[in-house]
C-alpha atoms as a PDB file:
ATOM      1  CA  MET A   1      12.797  -6.231  14.624  1.00  0.00           C
ATOM      2  CA  PRO A   2      14.458  -3.152  16.114  1.00  0.00           C
ATOM      3  CA  PRO A   3      12.092  -0.152  16.181  1.00  0.00           C
ATOM      4  CA  TRP A   4      14.504   1.906  14.068  1.00  0.00           C
ATOM      5  CA  ARG A   5      14.877  -0.706  11.297  1.00  0.00           C
ATOM      6  CA  TRP A   6      12.376   0.982   8.964  1.00  0.00           C
ATOM      7  CA  ARG A   7      14.602   4.083   8.855  1.00  0.00           C
ATOM      8  CA  VAL A   8      17.425   2.051   7.353  1.00  0.00           C
ATOM      9  CA  LEU A   9      15.254   0.377   4.710  1.00  0.00           C
ATOM     10  CA  PHE A  10      13.022   3.375   3.955  1.00  0.00           C
ATOM     11  CA  SER A  11      15.251   6.429   3.959  1.00  0.00           C
ATOM     12  CA  LYS A  12      13.841   9.893   3.313  1.00  0.00           C
ATOM     13  CA  LYS A  13      14.894   9.514  -0.318  1.00  0.00           C
ATOM     14  CA  VAL A  14      13.107   6.166  -0.714  1.00  0.00           C
ATOM     15  CA  LEU A  15       9.962   7.538   0.970  1.00  0.00           C
ATOM     16  CA  GLY A  16      10.111  10.596  -1.295  1.00  0.00           C
ATOM     17  CA  ASP A  17      10.473   8.411  -4.384  1.00  0.00           C
ATOM     18  CA  ILE A  18       7.468   6.334  -3.310  1.00  0.00           C
ATOM     19  CA  GLU A  19       5.427   9.506  -2.775  1.00  0.00           C
ATOM     20  CA  LYS A  20       6.302  10.715  -6.285  1.00  0.00           C
ATOM     21  CA  ALA A  21       5.428   7.298  -7.754  1.00  0.00           C
ATOM     22  CA  VAL A  22       2.015   7.402  -6.050  1.00  0.00           C
ATOM     23  CA  GLN A  23       1.421  10.925  -7.338  1.00  0.00           C
ATOM     24  CA  ARG A  24       2.353   9.933 -10.928  1.00  0.00           C
ATOM     25  CA  SER A  25       0.149   6.864 -10.618  1.00  0.00           C
ATOM     26  CA  GLU A  26      -2.920   8.808  -9.569  1.00  0.00           C
ATOM     27  CA  TYR A  27      -2.769  10.999 -12.686  1.00  0.00           C
ATOM     28  CA  GLN A  28      -3.437   7.868 -14.734  1.00  0.00           C
ATOM     29  CA  HIS A  29      -6.587   6.560 -13.026  1.00  0.00           C
ATOM     30  CA  GLY A  30      -9.501   7.439 -10.773  1.00  0.00           C
ATOM     31  CA  GLY A  31      -8.200   5.485  -7.760  1.00  0.00           C
ATOM     32  CA  GLU A  32      -6.378   6.624  -4.641  1.00  0.00           C
ATOM     33  CA  LEU A  33      -3.258   4.848  -3.336  1.00  0.00           C
ATOM     34  CA  ARG A  34      -1.816   4.791   0.155  1.00  0.00           C
ATOM     35  CA  PHE A  35       1.457   3.128   1.121  1.00  0.00           C
ATOM     36  CA  ALA A  36       1.996   2.085   4.740  1.00  0.00           C
ATOM     37  CA  VAL A  37       5.001   0.494   6.418  1.00  0.00           C
ATOM     38  CA  GLU A  38       4.832  -1.039   9.868  1.00  0.00           C
ATOM     39  CA  ASN A  39       7.982  -2.243  11.570  1.00  0.00           C
ATOM     40  CA  ALA A  40       6.334  -5.021  13.596  1.00  0.00           C
ATOM     41  CA  LEU A  41       3.055  -5.845  15.237  1.00  0.00           C
ATOM     42  CA  ALA A  42       2.640  -4.671  18.817  1.00  0.00           C
ATOM     43  CA  LEU A  43       3.078  -7.377  21.430  1.00  0.00           C
ATOM     44  CA  GLY A  44      -0.632  -7.232  22.326  1.00  0.00           C
ATOM     45  CA  GLN A  45      -1.564  -7.834  18.691  1.00  0.00           C
ATOM     46  CA  VAL A  46       0.752 -10.826  18.543  1.00  0.00           C
ATOM     47  CA  TRP A  47      -0.771 -12.267  21.731  1.00  0.00           C
ATOM     48  CA  ARG A  48      -4.267 -11.839  20.286  1.00  0.00           C
ATOM     49  CA  GLY A  49      -3.193 -13.687  17.150  1.00  0.00           C
ATOM     50  CA  ILE A  50      -3.704 -10.758  14.773  1.00  0.00           C
ATOM     51  CA  SER A  51      -2.444 -11.673  11.307  1.00  0.00           C
ATOM     52  CA  ALA A  52      -0.653  -9.263   8.999  1.00  0.00           C
ATOM     53  CA  ARG A  53      -3.730  -9.337   6.727  1.00  0.00           C
ATOM     54  CA  GLN A  54      -6.022  -8.400   9.632  1.00  0.00           C
ATOM     55  CA  ARG A  55      -3.644  -5.603  10.568  1.00  0.00           C
ATOM     56  CA  ALA A  56      -3.621  -4.357   6.958  1.00  0.00           C
ATOM     57  CA  ILE A  57      -7.417  -4.125   7.033  1.00  0.00           C
ATOM     58  CA  GLU A  58      -7.231  -2.253  10.340  1.00  0.00           C
ATOM     59  CA  VAL A  59      -4.673   0.211   8.918  1.00  0.00           C
ATOM     60  CA  PHE A  60      -6.883   0.612   5.807  1.00  0.00           C
ATOM     61  CA  SER A  61      -9.678   1.689   8.138  1.00  0.00           C
ATOM     62  CA  ASN A  62      -7.516   3.859  10.408  1.00  0.00           C
ATOM     63  CA  LEU A  63      -6.100   5.761   7.417  1.00  0.00           C
ATOM     64  CA  ARG A  64      -9.631   6.144   6.037  1.00  0.00           C
ATOM     65  CA  VAL A  65      -8.618   4.725   2.683  1.00  0.00           C
ATOM     66  CA  TRP A  66     -12.283   3.779   2.283  1.00  0.00           C
ATOM     67  CA  ASP A  67     -13.286   7.439   2.493  1.00  0.00           C
ATOM     68  CA  THR A  68     -13.203   8.376  -1.202  1.00  0.00           C
ATOM     69  CA  GLU A  69     -16.048   9.547  -3.419  1.00  0.00           C
ATOM     70  CA  GLU A  70     -15.929   6.482  -5.694  1.00  0.00           C
ATOM     71  CA  ASN A  71     -14.820   3.964  -3.027  1.00  0.00           C
ATOM     72  CA  SER A  72     -11.631   3.688  -5.028  1.00  0.00           C
ATOM     73  CA  GLY A  73      -8.925   3.513  -2.359  1.00  0.00           C
ATOM     74  CA  VAL A  74      -6.113   0.969  -2.351  1.00  0.00           C
ATOM     75  CA  LEU A  75      -3.676   0.368   0.493  1.00  0.00           C
ATOM     76  CA  ILE A  76      -0.266  -1.225   0.069  1.00  0.00           C
ATOM     77  CA  TYR A  77       0.683  -2.460   3.541  1.00  0.00           C
ATOM     78  CA  LEU A  78       4.138  -3.788   4.395  1.00  0.00           C
ATOM     79  CA  LEU A  79       4.863  -5.523   7.688  1.00  0.00           C
ATOM     80  CA  LEU A  80       8.650  -5.299   7.839  1.00  0.00           C
ATOM     81  CA  ALA A  81       9.195  -7.899  10.552  1.00  0.00           C
ATOM     82  CA  ASP A  82       7.807 -10.564   8.230  1.00  0.00           C
ATOM     83  CA  ARG A  83       8.479  -8.746   4.928  1.00  0.00           C
ATOM     84  CA  GLU A  84       4.849  -9.488   4.235  1.00  0.00           C
ATOM     85  CA  VAL A  85       2.859  -7.321   1.811  1.00  0.00           C
ATOM     86  CA  HIS A  86      -0.914  -7.023   1.688  1.00  0.00           C
ATOM     87  CA  ILE A  87      -2.973  -4.984  -0.729  1.00  0.00           C
ATOM     88  CA  VAL A  88      -6.428  -3.956   0.450  1.00  0.00           C
ATOM     89  CA  ALA A  89      -8.834  -2.440  -2.069  1.00  0.00           C
ATOM     90  CA  ASP A  90     -12.085  -0.639  -1.380  1.00  0.00           C
ATOM     91  CA  ARG A  91     -15.446  -2.065  -2.462  1.00  0.00           C
ATOM     92  CA  GLY A  92     -15.693   0.076  -5.594  1.00  0.00           C
ATOM     93  CA  ILE A  93     -12.568  -1.621  -6.906  1.00  0.00           C
ATOM     94  CA  THR A  94     -13.155  -5.156  -5.652  1.00  0.00           C
ATOM     95  CA  LYS A  95     -16.194  -5.373  -7.942  1.00  0.00           C
ATOM     96  CA  HIS A  96     -13.801  -5.233 -10.913  1.00  0.00           C
ATOM     97  CA  VAL A  97     -10.465  -6.577  -9.687  1.00  0.00           C
ATOM     98  CA  PRO A  98     -10.336  -9.914  -7.850  1.00  0.00           C
ATOM     99  CA  GLN A  99      -8.171 -10.358  -4.767  1.00  0.00           C
ATOM    100  CA  LEU A 100      -6.013 -12.880  -6.652  1.00  0.00           C
ATOM    101  CA  GLU A 101      -4.657 -10.047  -8.815  1.00  0.00           C
ATOM    102  CA  TRP A 102      -3.755  -7.967  -5.753  1.00  0.00           C
ATOM    103  CA  ASP A 103      -2.150 -11.016  -4.138  1.00  0.00           C
ATOM    104  CA  ALA A 104       0.030 -11.600  -7.227  1.00  0.00           C
ATOM    105  CA  ILE A 105       1.285  -8.004  -7.051  1.00  0.00           C
ATOM    106  CA  ALA A 106       1.937  -8.340  -3.314  1.00  0.00           C
ATOM    107  CA  LYS A 107       3.870 -11.561  -3.866  1.00  0.00           C
ATOM    108  CA  ALA A 108       6.064  -9.929  -6.526  1.00  0.00           C
ATOM    109  CA  MET A 109       6.755  -7.032  -4.157  1.00  0.00           C
ATOM    110  CA  GLN A 110       7.657  -9.461  -1.368  1.00  0.00           C
ATOM    111  CA  LYS A 111      10.254 -11.114  -3.613  1.00  0.00           C
ATOM    112  CA  GLU A 112      11.975  -7.782  -4.185  1.00  0.00           C
ATOM    113  CA  PHE A 113      11.781  -6.927  -0.492  1.00  0.00           C
ATOM    114  CA  GLN A 114      13.286 -10.296   0.480  1.00  0.00           C
ATOM    115  CA  ARG A 115      16.226  -9.408  -1.782  1.00  0.00           C
ATOM    116  CA  GLY A 116      16.514  -6.129   0.113  1.00  0.00           C
ATOM    117  CA  ASP A 117      15.402  -3.918  -2.778  1.00  0.00           C
ATOM    118  CA  PHE A 118      12.636  -1.914  -1.164  1.00  0.00           C
ATOM    119  CA  LEU A 119      12.589   0.936  -3.660  1.00  0.00           C
ATOM    120  CA  SER A 120      12.373  -1.306  -6.717  1.00  0.00           C
ATOM    121  CA  GLY A 121       9.754  -3.545  -5.089  1.00  0.00           C
ATOM    122  CA  SER A 122       7.665  -0.517  -4.137  1.00  0.00           C
ATOM    123  CA  ARG A 123       7.926   1.037  -7.600  1.00  0.00           C
ATOM    124  CA  GLN A 124       7.084  -2.221  -9.362  1.00  0.00           C
ATOM    125  CA  GLY A 125       4.049  -2.745  -7.140  1.00  0.00           C
ATOM    126  CA  ILE A 126       2.798   0.785  -7.708  1.00  0.00           C
ATOM    127  CA  GLU A 127       3.307   0.426 -11.484  1.00  0.00           C
ATOM    128  CA  ARG A 128       1.333  -2.829 -11.616  1.00  0.00           C
ATOM    129  CA  ILE A 129      -1.451  -1.349  -9.490  1.00  0.00           C
ATOM    130  CA  THR A 130      -1.482   1.684 -11.784  1.00  0.00           C
ATOM    131  CA  MET A 131      -2.031  -0.539 -14.835  1.00  0.00           C
ATOM    132  CA  LEU A 132      -4.925  -2.343 -13.156  1.00  0.00           C
ATOM    133  CA  LEU A 133      -6.598   0.838 -11.977  1.00  0.00           C
ATOM    134  CA  ALA A 134      -6.099   2.617 -15.304  1.00  0.00           C
ATOM    135  CA  ALA A 135      -7.793  -0.300 -17.078  1.00  0.00           C
ATOM    136  CA  HIS A 136     -10.801  -0.342 -14.756  1.00  0.00           C
ATOM    137  CA  PHE A 137     -10.953   3.246 -13.445  1.00  0.00           C
ATOM    138  CA  PRO A 138      -9.791   5.770 -16.013  1.00  0.00           C
ATOM    139  CA  PRO A 139      -9.426   9.290 -14.652  1.00  0.00           C
ATOM    140  CA  GLY A 140     -12.414  11.568 -15.048  1.00  0.00           C
ATOM    141  CA  ALA A 141     -12.373  15.201 -16.096  1.00  0.00           C
ATOM    142  CA  ASP A 142     -12.286  16.019 -12.386  1.00  0.00           C
ATOM    143  CA  ASN A 143      -9.675  13.799 -10.742  1.00  0.00           C
ATOM    144  CA  PRO A 144      -9.108  15.236  -7.255  1.00  0.00           C
ATOM    145  CA  ASN A 145      -6.395  13.955  -4.957  1.00  0.00           C
ATOM    146  CA  GLU A 146      -8.550  12.740  -2.071  1.00  0.00           C
ATOM    147  CA  LEU A 147      -5.876  11.023   0.046  1.00  0.00           C
ATOM    148  CA  SER A 148      -2.310  11.927   0.878  1.00  0.00           C
ATOM    149  CA  ASN A 149       0.339  10.494  -1.445  1.00  0.00           C
ATOM    150  CA  LYS A 150       2.919  10.484   1.324  1.00  0.00           C
ATOM    151  CA  PRO A 151       3.847   7.019   2.616  1.00  0.00           C
ATOM    152  CA  ILE A 152       3.027   6.503   6.251  1.00  0.00           C
ATOM    153  CA  ILE A 153       5.126   4.778   8.867  1.00  0.00           C
ATOM    154  CA  VAL A 154       2.713   3.139  11.296  1.00  0.00           C
ATOM    155  CA  ASN A 155       3.859   3.643  14.879  1.00  0.00           C
ATOM    156  CA  HIS A 156       2.379   2.117  17.981  1.00  0.00           C
END
């Protein structure tokens, strides 16, 4: 995977649209979403046998998605080289939403990404996550934005 490939698939416009979708989503629930794209695993990670899921958990930690008042962070992680999507939810959410539901959303996103429709796949995933979070974590009177809505491109 060429190091510049993410720029082709996730233009400034697409990244901006994802940021707006995250912002709209967070008005509807008490959770916090982060969206991360990584072009490929570093060679050292590949040699150590790090899976995309393990890397998603590492990125969840590095971005401090766990650092919210209600432990209500959710990370959407996309490994472009494999077009693999993983959704990692914080412990406050995993009590209410089983991993199977997150995996179903990730799988649907992967299908769109495999077709080359990264904006639609991202929007659909965010919308489905929004519905889950709104059902289990309605917004309170005070619903601060604790994490950045801006998608992050993970660089090595």
